[in-house]
Amino acid sequence: MKQFTLTIFLSIFALAGFFNDTTAADKAEYLENARLCNIFTKKIEDYKKNMRKDFLAGATLASYEYRAELFCKKATDAKKVLDSETLADLNTSIEDNTTK
């Protein structure tokens, strides 16, 4: 019986730490994608001001636009996930406080 109880407690502690690390990693990924989104958005604006009129300049601009769209989409999707997780955590803590 002691081994069974010990196994349950160890499983709970192991899983609790795992999910906290995942949330931290998701937040770090969101921040990095948001940073890259801002960088490429600014690069597009600056590049359009001083852009040459040749094929390579157009390809460079298309590359910047593609990467800006990619990182901005990833940041938006990650923000939605983080917001839903944060709201779920907030709702849980509110329910805990009201039952006390």
PDB file of N, CA and C in Angstrom:
ATOM      1  N   MET A   1       0.829  -1.203   0.000  1.00  0.00           N
ATOM      2  CA  MET A   1       0.000   0.000   0.000  1.00  0.00           C
ATOM      3  C   MET A   1       0.868   1.259   0.000  1.00  0.00           C
ATOM      4  N   LYS A   2       1.981   1.216   0.758  1.00  0.00           N
ATOM      5  CA  LYS A   2       2.880   2.371   0.816  1.00  0.00           C
ATOM      6  C   LYS A   2       3.506   2.634  -0.548  1.00  0.00           C
ATOM      7  N   GLN A   3       3.867   1.558  -1.238  1.00  0.00           N
ATOM      8  CA  GLN A   3       4.470   1.725  -2.562  1.00  0.00           C
ATOM      9  C   GLN A   3       3.468   2.329  -3.544  1.00  0.00           C
ATOM     10  N   PHE A   4       2.237   1.910  -3.462  1.00  0.00           N
ATOM     11  CA  PHE A   4       1.197   2.443  -4.335  1.00  0.00           C
ATOM     12  C   PHE A   4       0.996   3.939  -4.088  1.00  0.00           C
ATOM     13  N   THR A   5       0.911   4.321  -2.821  1.00  0.00           N
ATOM     14  CA  THR A   5       0.743   5.729  -2.461  1.00  0.00           C
ATOM     15  C   THR A   5       1.948   6.544  -2.898  1.00  0.00           C
ATOM     16  N   LEU A   6       3.135   6.010  -2.687  1.00  0.00           N
ATOM     17  CA  LEU A   6       4.362   6.695  -3.096  1.00  0.00           C
ATOM     18  C   LEU A   6       4.399   6.880  -4.612  1.00  0.00           C
ATOM     19  N   THR A   7       4.001   5.862  -5.346  1.00  0.00           N
ATOM     20  CA  THR A   7       3.978   5.946  -6.808  1.00  0.00           C
ATOM     21  C   THR A   7       3.009   7.033  -7.280  1.00  0.00           C
ATOM     22  N   ILE A   8       1.862   7.120  -6.654  1.00  0.00           N
ATOM     23  CA  ILE A   8       0.882   8.147  -7.023  1.00  0.00           C
ATOM     24  C   ILE A   8       1.441   9.548  -6.769  1.00  0.00           C
ATOM     25  N   PHE A   9       2.042   9.747  -5.595  1.00  0.00           N
ATOM     26  CA  PHE A   9       2.588  11.068  -5.277  1.00  0.00           C
ATOM     27  C   PHE A   9       3.740  11.441  -6.202  1.00  0.00           C
ATOM     28  N   LEU A  10       4.614  10.504  -6.503  1.00  0.00           N
ATOM     29  CA  LEU A  10       5.723  10.785  -7.418  1.00  0.00           C
ATOM     30  C   LEU A  10       5.209  11.115  -8.816  1.00  0.00           C
ATOM     31  N   SER A  11       4.181  10.427  -9.261  1.00  0.00           N
ATOM     32  CA  SER A  11       3.597  10.702 -10.578  1.00  0.00           C
ATOM     33  C   SER A  11       3.003  12.105 -10.627  1.00  0.00           C
ATOM     34  N   ILE A  12       2.315  12.469  -9.569  1.00  0.00           N
ATOM     35  CA  ILE A  12       1.705  13.802  -9.526  1.00  0.00           C
ATOM     36  C   ILE A  12       2.774  14.884  -9.553  1.00  0.00           C
ATOM     37  N   PHE A  13       3.805  14.724  -8.757  1.00  0.00           N
ATOM     38  CA  PHE A  13       4.871  15.730  -8.732  1.00  0.00           C
ATOM     39  C   PHE A  13       5.614  15.797 -10.062  1.00  0.00           C
ATOM     40  N   ALA A  14       5.842  14.659 -10.680  1.00  0.00           N
ATOM     41  CA  ALA A  14       6.549  14.640 -11.968  1.00  0.00           C
ATOM     42  C   ALA A  14       5.730  15.340 -13.045  1.00  0.00           C
ATOM     43  N   LEU A  15       4.443  15.055 -13.102  1.00  0.00           N
ATOM     44  CA  LEU A  15       3.589  15.671 -14.120  1.00  0.00           C
ATOM     45  C   LEU A  15       3.373  17.151 -13.868  1.00  0.00           C
ATOM     46  N   ALA A  16       3.283  17.552 -12.616  1.00  0.00           N
ATOM     47  CA  ALA A  16       3.088  18.968 -12.304  1.00  0.00           C
ATOM     48  C   ALA A  16       4.277  19.788 -12.787  1.00  0.00           C
ATOM     49  N   GLY A  17       5.472  19.314 -12.584  1.00  0.00           N
ATOM     50  CA  GLY A  17       6.668  20.015 -13.053  1.00  0.00           C
ATOM     51  C   GLY A  17       6.767  20.036 -14.558  1.00  0.00           C
ATOM     52  N   PHE A  18       6.333  18.956 -15.194  1.00  0.00           N
ATOM     53  CA  PHE A  18       6.388  18.865 -16.646  1.00  0.00           C
ATOM     54  C   PHE A  18       5.515  19.926 -17.294  1.00  0.00           C
ATOM     55  N   PHE A  19       4.311  20.100 -16.814  1.00  0.00           N
ATOM     56  CA  PHE A  19       3.399  21.063 -17.430  1.00  0.00           C
ATOM     57  C   PHE A  19       3.848  22.495 -17.176  1.00  0.00           C
ATOM     58  N   ASN A  20       4.473  22.775 -16.055  1.00  0.00           N
ATOM     59  CA  ASN A  20       4.983  24.121 -15.803  1.00  0.00           C
ATOM     60  C   ASN A  20       6.128  24.440 -16.750  1.00  0.00           C
ATOM     61  N   ASP A  21       6.995  23.478 -17.028  1.00  0.00           N
ATOM     62  CA  ASP A  21       8.090  23.696 -17.969  1.00  0.00           C
ATOM     63  C   ASP A  21       7.559  23.918 -19.375  1.00  0.00           C
ATOM     64  N   THR A  22       6.517  23.223 -19.735  1.00  0.00           N
ATOM     65  CA  THR A  22       5.931  23.381 -21.061  1.00  0.00           C
ATOM     66  C   THR A  22       5.357  24.785 -21.228  1.00  0.00           C
ATOM     67  N   THR A  23       4.703  25.279 -20.202  1.00  0.00           N
ATOM     68  CA  THR A  23       4.131  26.624 -20.270  1.00  0.00           C
ATOM     69  C   THR A  23       5.235  27.664 -20.412  1.00  0.00           C
ATOM     70  N   ALA A  24       6.313  27.490 -19.669  1.00  0.00           N
ATOM     71  CA  ALA A  24       7.439  28.424 -19.767  1.00  0.00           C
ATOM     72  C   ALA A  24       8.062  28.373 -21.162  1.00  0.00           C
ATOM     73  N   ALA A  25       8.190  27.189 -21.718  1.00  0.00           N
ATOM     74  CA  ALA A  25       8.752  27.045 -23.063  1.00  0.00           C
ATOM     75  C   ALA A  25       7.827  27.681 -24.103  1.00  0.00           C
ATOM     76  N   ASP A  26       6.517  27.496 -23.933  1.00  0.00           N
ATOM     77  CA  ASP A  26       5.555  28.110 -24.860  1.00  0.00           C
ATOM     78  C   ASP A  26       5.635  29.632 -24.801  1.00  0.00           C
ATOM     79  N   LYS A  27       5.793  30.161 -23.590  1.00  0.00           N
ATOM     80  CA  LYS A  27       5.889  31.610 -23.444  1.00  0.00           C
ATOM     81  C   LYS A  27       7.170  32.133 -24.096  1.00  0.00           C
ATOM     82  N   ALA A  28       8.282  31.410 -23.915  1.00  0.00           N
ATOM     83  CA  ALA A  28       9.546  31.817 -24.530  1.00  0.00           C
ATOM     84  C   ALA A  28       9.450  31.766 -26.055  1.00  0.00           C
ATOM     85  N   GLU A  29       8.788  30.736 -26.576  1.00  0.00           N
ATOM     86  CA  GLU A  29       8.615  30.621 -28.024  1.00  0.00           C
ATOM     87  C   GLU A  29       7.755  31.769 -28.554  1.00  0.00           C
ATOM     88  N   TYR A  30       6.695  32.112 -27.819  1.00  0.00           N
ATOM     89  CA  TYR A  30       5.840  33.231 -28.224  1.00  0.00           C
ATOM     90  C   TYR A  30       6.637  34.531 -28.262  1.00  0.00           C
ATOM     91  N   LEU A  31       7.434  34.782 -27.230  1.00  0.00           N
ATOM     92  CA  LEU A  31       8.212  36.022 -27.172  1.00  0.00           C
ATOM     93  C   LEU A  31       9.216  36.097 -28.320  1.00  0.00           C
ATOM     94  N   GLU A  32       9.850  34.970 -28.640  1.00  0.00           N
ATOM     95  CA  GLU A  32      10.821  34.954 -29.742  1.00  0.00           C
ATOM     96  C   GLU A  32      10.118  35.192 -31.081  1.00  0.00           C
ATOM     97  N   ASN A  33       8.980  34.556 -31.291  1.00  0.00           N
ATOM     98  CA  ASN A  33       8.248  34.758 -32.546  1.00  0.00           C
ATOM     99  C   ASN A  33       7.738  36.187 -32.664  1.00  0.00           C
ATOM    100  N   ALA A  34       7.290  36.768 -31.560  1.00  0.00           N
ATOM    101  CA  ALA A  34       6.836  38.166 -31.587  1.00  0.00           C
ATOM    102  C   ALA A  34       8.004  39.103 -31.900  1.00  0.00           C
ATOM    103  N   ARG A  35       9.168  38.817 -31.337  1.00  0.00           N
ATOM    104  CA  ARG A  35      10.357  39.631 -31.600  1.00  0.00           C
ATOM    105  C   ARG A  35      10.733  39.556 -33.079  1.00  0.00           C
ATOM    106  N   LEU A  36      10.756  38.343 -33.637  1.00  0.00           N
ATOM    107  CA  LEU A  36      11.100  38.180 -35.054  1.00  0.00           C
ATOM    108  C   LEU A  36      10.041  38.811 -35.960  1.00  0.00           C
ATOM    109  N   CYS A  37       8.789  38.746 -35.556  1.00  0.00           N
ATOM    110  CA  CYS A  37       7.721  39.394 -36.319  1.00  0.00           C
ATOM    111  C   CYS A  37       7.982  40.898 -36.404  1.00  0.00           C
ATOM    112  N   ASN A  38       8.302  41.507 -35.279  1.00  0.00           N
ATOM    113  CA  ASN A  38       8.586  42.948 -35.266  1.00  0.00           C
ATOM    114  C   ASN A  38       9.813  43.288 -36.100  1.00  0.00           C
ATOM    115  N   ILE A  39      10.843  42.463 -36.024  1.00  0.00           N
ATOM    116  CA  ILE A  39      12.073  42.721 -36.792  1.00  0.00           C
ATOM    117  C   ILE A  39      11.777  42.700 -38.289  1.00  0.00           C
ATOM    118  N   PHE A  40      11.097  41.648 -38.764  1.00  0.00           N
ATOM    119  CA  PHE A  40      10.857  41.533 -40.201  1.00  0.00           C
ATOM    120  C   PHE A  40       9.835  42.557 -40.693  1.00  0.00           C
ATOM    121  N   THR A  41       8.887  42.935 -39.861  1.00  0.00           N
ATOM    122  CA  THR A  41       7.951  43.986 -40.253  1.00  0.00           C
ATOM    123  C   THR A  41       8.698  45.300 -40.454  1.00  0.00           C
ATOM    124  N   LYS A  42       9.614  45.601 -39.542  1.00  0.00           N
ATOM    125  CA  LYS A  42      10.425  46.825 -39.672  1.00  0.00           C
ATOM    126  C   LYS A  42      11.348  46.733 -40.889  1.00  0.00           C
ATOM    127  N   LYS A  43      11.933  45.544 -41.130  1.00  0.00           N
ATOM    128  CA  LYS A  43      12.809  45.374 -42.293  1.00  0.00           C
ATOM    129  C   LYS A  43      12.046  45.628 -43.588  1.00  0.00           C
ATOM    130  N   ILE A  44      10.802  45.166 -43.657  1.00  0.00           N
ATOM    131  CA  ILE A  44       9.988  45.381 -44.863  1.00  0.00           C
ATOM    132  C   ILE A  44       9.789  46.869 -45.102  1.00  0.00           C
ATOM    133  N   GLU A  45       9.426  47.595 -44.041  1.00  0.00           N
ATOM    134  CA  GLU A  45       9.208  49.036 -44.171  1.00  0.00           C
ATOM    135  C   GLU A  45      10.479  49.750 -44.623  1.00  0.00           C
ATOM    136  N   ASP A  46      11.607  49.436 -43.991  1.00  0.00           N
ATOM    137  CA  ASP A  46      12.872  50.079 -44.343  1.00  0.00           C
ATOM    138  C   ASP A  46      13.329  49.694 -45.749  1.00  0.00           C
ATOM    139  N   TYR A  47      13.150  48.427 -46.103  1.00  0.00           N
ATOM    140  CA  TYR A  47      13.612  47.957 -47.404  1.00  0.00           C
ATOM    141  C   TYR A  47      12.803  48.580 -48.542  1.00  0.00           C
ATOM    142  N   LYS A  48      11.498  48.771 -48.324  1.00  0.00           N
ATOM    143  CA  LYS A  48      10.662  49.377 -49.369  1.00  0.00           C
ATOM    144  C   LYS A  48      11.075  50.821 -49.636  1.00  0.00           C
ATOM    145  N   LYS A  49      11.564  51.519 -48.604  1.00  0.00           N
ATOM    146  CA  LYS A  49      11.988  52.912 -48.787  1.00  0.00           C
ATOM    147  C   LYS A  49      13.220  53.017 -49.681  1.00  0.00           C
ATOM    148  N   ASN A  50      14.149  52.065 -49.547  1.00  0.00           N
ATOM    149  CA  ASN A  50      15.426  52.140 -50.264  1.00  0.00           C
ATOM    150  C   ASN A  50      15.594  51.022 -51.285  1.00  0.00           C
ATOM    151  N   MET A  51      14.528  50.436 -51.740  1.00  0.00           N
ATOM    152  CA  MET A  51      14.607  49.261 -52.604  1.00  0.00           C
ATOM    153  C   MET A  51      15.061  49.614 -54.019  1.00  0.00           C
ATOM    154  N   ARG A  52      15.929  48.745 -54.551  1.00  0.00           N
ATOM    155  CA  ARG A  52      16.348  48.893 -55.944  1.00  0.00           C
ATOM    156  C   ARG A  52      15.252  48.345 -56.853  1.00  0.00           C
ATOM    157  N   LYS A  53      15.397  48.579 -58.128  1.00  0.00           N
ATOM    158  CA  LYS A  53      14.395  48.121 -59.094  1.00  0.00           C
ATOM    159  C   LYS A  53      14.956  46.963 -59.921  1.00  0.00           C
ATOM    160  N   ASP A  54      15.281  45.845 -59.251  1.00  0.00           N
ATOM    161  CA  ASP A  54      15.750  44.680 -59.991  1.00  0.00           C
ATOM    162  C   ASP A  54      15.135  43.414 -59.396  1.00  0.00           C
ATOM    163  N   PHE A  55      15.433  42.311 -60.051  1.00  0.00           N
ATOM    164  CA  PHE A  55      14.836  41.029 -59.668  1.00  0.00           C
ATOM    165  C   PHE A  55      15.258  40.604 -58.268  1.00  0.00           C
ATOM    166  N   LEU A  56      16.525  40.751 -57.938  1.00  0.00           N
ATOM    167  CA  LEU A  56      17.005  40.313 -56.630  1.00  0.00           C
ATOM    168  C   LEU A  56      16.398  41.121 -55.490  1.00  0.00           C
ATOM    169  N   ALA A  57      16.167  42.383 -55.707  1.00  0.00           N
ATOM    170  CA  ALA A  57      15.537  43.213 -54.682  1.00  0.00           C
ATOM    171  C   ALA A  57      14.106  42.750 -54.438  1.00  0.00           C
ATOM    172  N   GLY A  58      13.409  42.405 -55.512  1.00  0.00           N
ATOM    173  CA  GLY A  58      12.044  41.890 -55.369  1.00  0.00           C
ATOM    174  C   GLY A  58      12.016  40.554 -54.636  1.00  0.00           C
ATOM    175  N   ALA A  59      13.009  39.710 -54.924  1.00  0.00           N
ATOM    176  CA  ALA A  59      13.090  38.416 -54.247  1.00  0.00           C
ATOM    177  C   ALA A  59      13.398  38.600 -52.765  1.00  0.00           C
ATOM    178  N   THR A  60      14.252  39.550 -52.454  1.00  0.00           N
ATOM    179  CA  THR A  60      14.577  39.834 -51.054  1.00  0.00           C
ATOM    180  C   THR A  60      13.346  40.341 -50.316  1.00  0.00           C
ATOM    181  N   LEU A  61      12.611  41.234 -50.932  1.00  0.00           N
ATOM    182  CA  LEU A  61      11.393  41.756 -50.317  1.00  0.00           C
ATOM    183  C   LEU A  61      10.372  40.633 -50.096  1.00  0.00           C
ATOM    184  N   ALA A  62      10.228  39.765 -51.089  1.00  0.00           N
ATOM    185  CA  ALA A  62       9.298  38.637 -50.950  1.00  0.00           C
ATOM    186  C   ALA A  62       9.728  37.720 -49.806  1.00  0.00           C
ATOM    187  N   SER A  63      11.019  37.525 -49.643  1.00  0.00           N
ATOM    188  CA  SER A  63      11.534  36.701 -48.554  1.00  0.00           C
ATOM    189  C   SER A  63      11.222  37.326 -47.199  1.00  0.00           C
ATOM    190  N   TYR A  64      11.442  38.619 -47.086  1.00  0.00           N
ATOM    191  CA  TYR A  64      11.125  39.323 -45.834  1.00  0.00           C
ATOM    192  C   TYR A  64       9.630  39.237 -45.522  1.00  0.00           C
ATOM    193  N   GLU A  65       8.801  39.419 -46.561  1.00  0.00           N
ATOM    194  CA  GLU A  65       7.354  39.366 -46.352  1.00  0.00           C
ATOM    195  C   GLU A  65       6.913  37.966 -45.924  1.00  0.00           C
ATOM    196  N   TYR A  66       7.510  36.939 -46.523  1.00  0.00           N
ATOM    197  CA  TYR A  66       7.175  35.564 -46.165  1.00  0.00           C
ATOM    198  C   TYR A  66       7.538  35.290 -44.701  1.00  0.00           C
ATOM    199  N   ARG A  67       8.743  35.674 -44.312  1.00  0.00           N
ATOM    200  CA  ARG A  67       9.175  35.421 -42.937  1.00  0.00           C
ATOM    201  C   ARG A  67       8.385  36.244 -41.932  1.00  0.00           C
ATOM    202  N   ALA A  68       8.034  37.466 -42.271  1.00  0.00           N
ATOM    203  CA  ALA A  68       7.223  38.288 -41.371  1.00  0.00           C
ATOM    204  C   ALA A  68       5.849  37.639 -41.176  1.00  0.00           C
ATOM    205  N   GLU A  69       5.254  37.182 -42.262  1.00  0.00           N
ATOM    206  CA  GLU A  69       3.951  36.522 -42.165  1.00  0.00           C
ATOM    207  C   GLU A  69       4.040  35.245 -41.331  1.00  0.00           C
ATOM    208  N   LEU A  70       5.098  34.482 -41.534  1.00  0.00           N
ATOM    209  CA  LEU A  70       5.284  33.230 -40.809  1.00  0.00           C
ATOM    210  C   LEU A  70       5.421  33.465 -39.301  1.00  0.00           C
ATOM    211  N   PHE A  71       6.318  34.372 -38.918  1.00  0.00           N
ATOM    212  CA  PHE A  71       6.554  34.608 -37.494  1.00  0.00           C
ATOM    213  C   PHE A  71       5.372  35.321 -36.828  1.00  0.00           C
ATOM    214  N   CYS A  72       4.710  36.207 -37.542  1.00  0.00           N
ATOM    215  CA  CYS A  72       3.544  36.885 -36.959  1.00  0.00           C
ATOM    216  C   CYS A  72       2.399  35.896 -36.747  1.00  0.00           C
ATOM    217  N   LYS A  73       2.226  34.961 -37.681  1.00  0.00           N
ATOM    218  CA  LYS A  73       1.175  33.956 -37.527  1.00  0.00           C
ATOM    219  C   LYS A  73       1.486  33.048 -36.339  1.00  0.00           C
ATOM    220  N   LYS A  74       2.743  32.610 -36.220  1.00  0.00           N
ATOM    221  CA  LYS A  74       3.130  31.766 -35.092  1.00  0.00           C
ATOM    222  C   LYS A  74       2.930  32.493 -33.771  1.00  0.00           C
ATOM    223  N   ALA A  75       3.275  33.777 -33.730  1.00  0.00           N
ATOM    224  CA  ALA A  75       3.122  34.555 -32.497  1.00  0.00           C
ATOM    225  C   ALA A  75       1.647  34.710 -32.143  1.00  0.00           C
ATOM    226  N   THR A  76       0.804  34.952 -33.138  1.00  0.00           N
ATOM    227  CA  THR A  76      -0.629  35.099 -32.886  1.00  0.00           C
ATOM    228  C   THR A  76      -1.229  33.800 -32.373  1.00  0.00           C
ATOM    229  N   ASP A  77      -0.856  32.681 -33.005  1.00  0.00           N
ATOM    230  CA  ASP A  77      -1.379  31.385 -32.567  1.00  0.00           C
ATOM    231  C   ASP A  77      -0.909  31.043 -31.154  1.00  0.00           C
ATOM    232  N   ALA A  78       0.359  31.306 -30.867  1.00  0.00           N
ATOM    233  CA  ALA A  78       0.897  31.017 -29.531  1.00  0.00           C
ATOM    234  C   ALA A  78       0.236  31.898 -28.480  1.00  0.00           C
ATOM    235  N   LYS A  79      -0.057  33.137 -28.846  1.00  0.00           N
ATOM    236  CA  LYS A  79      -0.708  34.047 -27.890  1.00  0.00           C
ATOM    237  C   LYS A  79      -2.109  33.550 -27.550  1.00  0.00           C
ATOM    238  N   LYS A  80      -2.829  33.032 -28.534  1.00  0.00           N
ATOM    239  CA  LYS A  80      -4.162  32.485 -28.278  1.00  0.00           C
ATOM    240  C   LYS A  80      -4.084  31.307 -27.309  1.00  0.00           C
ATOM    241  N   VAL A  81      -3.096  30.432 -27.513  1.00  0.00           N
ATOM    242  CA  VAL A  81      -2.933  29.270 -26.629  1.00  0.00           C
ATOM    243  C   VAL A  81      -2.571  29.721 -25.229  1.00  0.00           C
ATOM    244  N   LEU A  82      -1.638  30.664 -25.122  1.00  0.00           N
ATOM    245  CA  LEU A  82      -1.230  31.151 -23.808  1.00  0.00           C
ATOM    246  C   LEU A  82      -2.385  31.856 -23.107  1.00  0.00           C
ATOM    247  N   ASP A  83      -3.158  32.625 -23.840  1.00  0.00           N
ATOM    248  CA  ASP A  83      -4.300  33.318 -23.237  1.00  0.00           C
ATOM    249  C   ASP A  83      -5.335  32.318 -22.727  1.00  0.00           C
ATOM    250  N   SER A  84      -5.587  31.259 -23.494  1.00  0.00           N
ATOM    251  CA  SER A  84      -6.572  30.268 -23.054  1.00  0.00           C
ATOM    252  C   SER A  84      -6.061  29.511 -21.835  1.00  0.00           C
ATOM    253  N   GLU A  85      -4.739  29.205 -21.791  1.00  0.00           N
ATOM    254  CA  GLU A  85      -4.165  28.532 -20.620  1.00  0.00           C
ATOM    255  C   GLU A  85      -4.195  29.451 -19.410  1.00  0.00           C
ATOM    256  N   THR A  86      -3.877  30.714 -19.617  1.00  0.00           N
ATOM    257  CA  THR A  86      -3.891  31.671 -18.519  1.00  0.00           C
ATOM    258  C   THR A  86      -5.300  31.843 -17.976  1.00  0.00           C
ATOM    259  N   LEU A  87      -6.278  31.913 -18.879  1.00  0.00           N
ATOM    260  CA  LEU A  87      -7.669  32.034 -18.446  1.00  0.00           C
ATOM    261  C   LEU A  87      -8.120  30.789 -17.696  1.00  0.00           C
ATOM    262  N   ALA A  88      -7.688  29.618 -18.153  1.00  0.00           N
ATOM    263  CA  ALA A  88      -8.060  28.377 -17.469  1.00  0.00           C
ATOM    264  C   ALA A  88      -7.450  28.346 -16.071  1.00  0.00           C
ATOM    265  N   ASP A  89      -6.178  28.774 -15.946  1.00  0.00           N
ATOM    266  CA  ASP A  89      -5.535  28.837 -14.631  1.00  0.00           C
ATOM    267  C   ASP A  89      -6.227  29.856 -13.742  1.00  0.00           C
ATOM    268  N   LEU A  90      -6.610  30.986 -14.306  1.00  0.00           N
ATOM    269  CA  LEU A  90      -7.282  32.025 -13.543  1.00  0.00           C
ATOM    270  C   LEU A  90      -8.644  31.532 -13.057  1.00  0.00           C
ATOM    271  N   ASN A  91      -9.387  30.856 -13.921  1.00  0.00           N
ATOM    272  CA  ASN A  91     -10.692  30.322 -13.527  1.00  0.00           C
ATOM    273  C   ASN A  91     -10.551  29.291 -12.422  1.00  0.00           C
ATOM    274  N   THR A  92      -9.529  28.458 -12.492  1.00  0.00           N
ATOM    275  CA  THR A  92      -9.299  27.459 -11.457  1.00  0.00           C
ATOM    276  C   THR A  92      -8.991  28.124 -10.124  1.00  0.00           C
ATOM    277  N   SER A  93      -8.152  29.152 -10.147  1.00  0.00           N
ATOM    278  CA  SER A  93      -7.800  29.827  -8.892  1.00  0.00           C
ATOM    279  C   SER A  93      -9.006  30.589  -8.325  1.00  0.00           C
ATOM    280  N   ILE A  94      -9.860  31.122  -9.186  1.00  0.00           N
ATOM    281  CA  ILE A  94     -11.065  31.813  -8.709  1.00  0.00           C
ATOM    282  C   ILE A  94     -12.009  30.807  -8.053  1.00  0.00           C
ATOM    283  N   GLU A  95     -12.183  29.650  -8.682  1.00  0.00           N
ATOM    284  CA  GLU A  95     -13.051  28.625  -8.114  1.00  0.00           C
ATOM    285  C   GLU A  95     -12.517  28.150  -6.762  1.00  0.00           C
ATOM    286  N   ASP A  96     -11.177  27.996  -6.661  1.00  0.00           N
ATOM    287  CA  ASP A  96     -10.580  27.578  -5.400  1.00  0.00           C
ATOM    288  C   ASP A  96     -10.817  28.602  -4.305  1.00  0.00           C
ATOM    289  N   ASN A  97     -10.720  29.871  -4.632  1.00  0.00           N
ATOM    290  CA  ASN A  97     -10.904  30.930  -3.648  1.00  0.00           C
ATOM    291  C   ASN A  97     -12.356  31.051  -3.206  1.00  0.00           C
ATOM    292  N   THR A  98     -13.276  30.780  -4.102  1.00  0.00           N
ATOM    293  CA  THR A  98     -14.692  30.917  -3.734  1.00  0.00           C
ATOM    294  C   THR A  98     -15.170  29.739  -2.907  1.00  0.00           C
ATOM    295  N   THR A  99     -14.525  28.583  -3.030  1.00  0.00           N
ATOM    296  CA  THR A  99     -14.951  27.417  -2.250  1.00  0.00           C
ATOM    297  C   THR A  99     -14.403  27.449  -0.826  1.00  0.00           C
ATOM    298  N   LYS A 100     -13.423  28.287  -0.576  1.00  0.00           N
ATOM    299  CA  LYS A 100     -12.824  28.354   0.774  1.00  0.00           C
ATOM    300  C   LYS A 100     -13.677  29.112   1.729  1.00  0.00           C
TER     301      LYS A 100
END
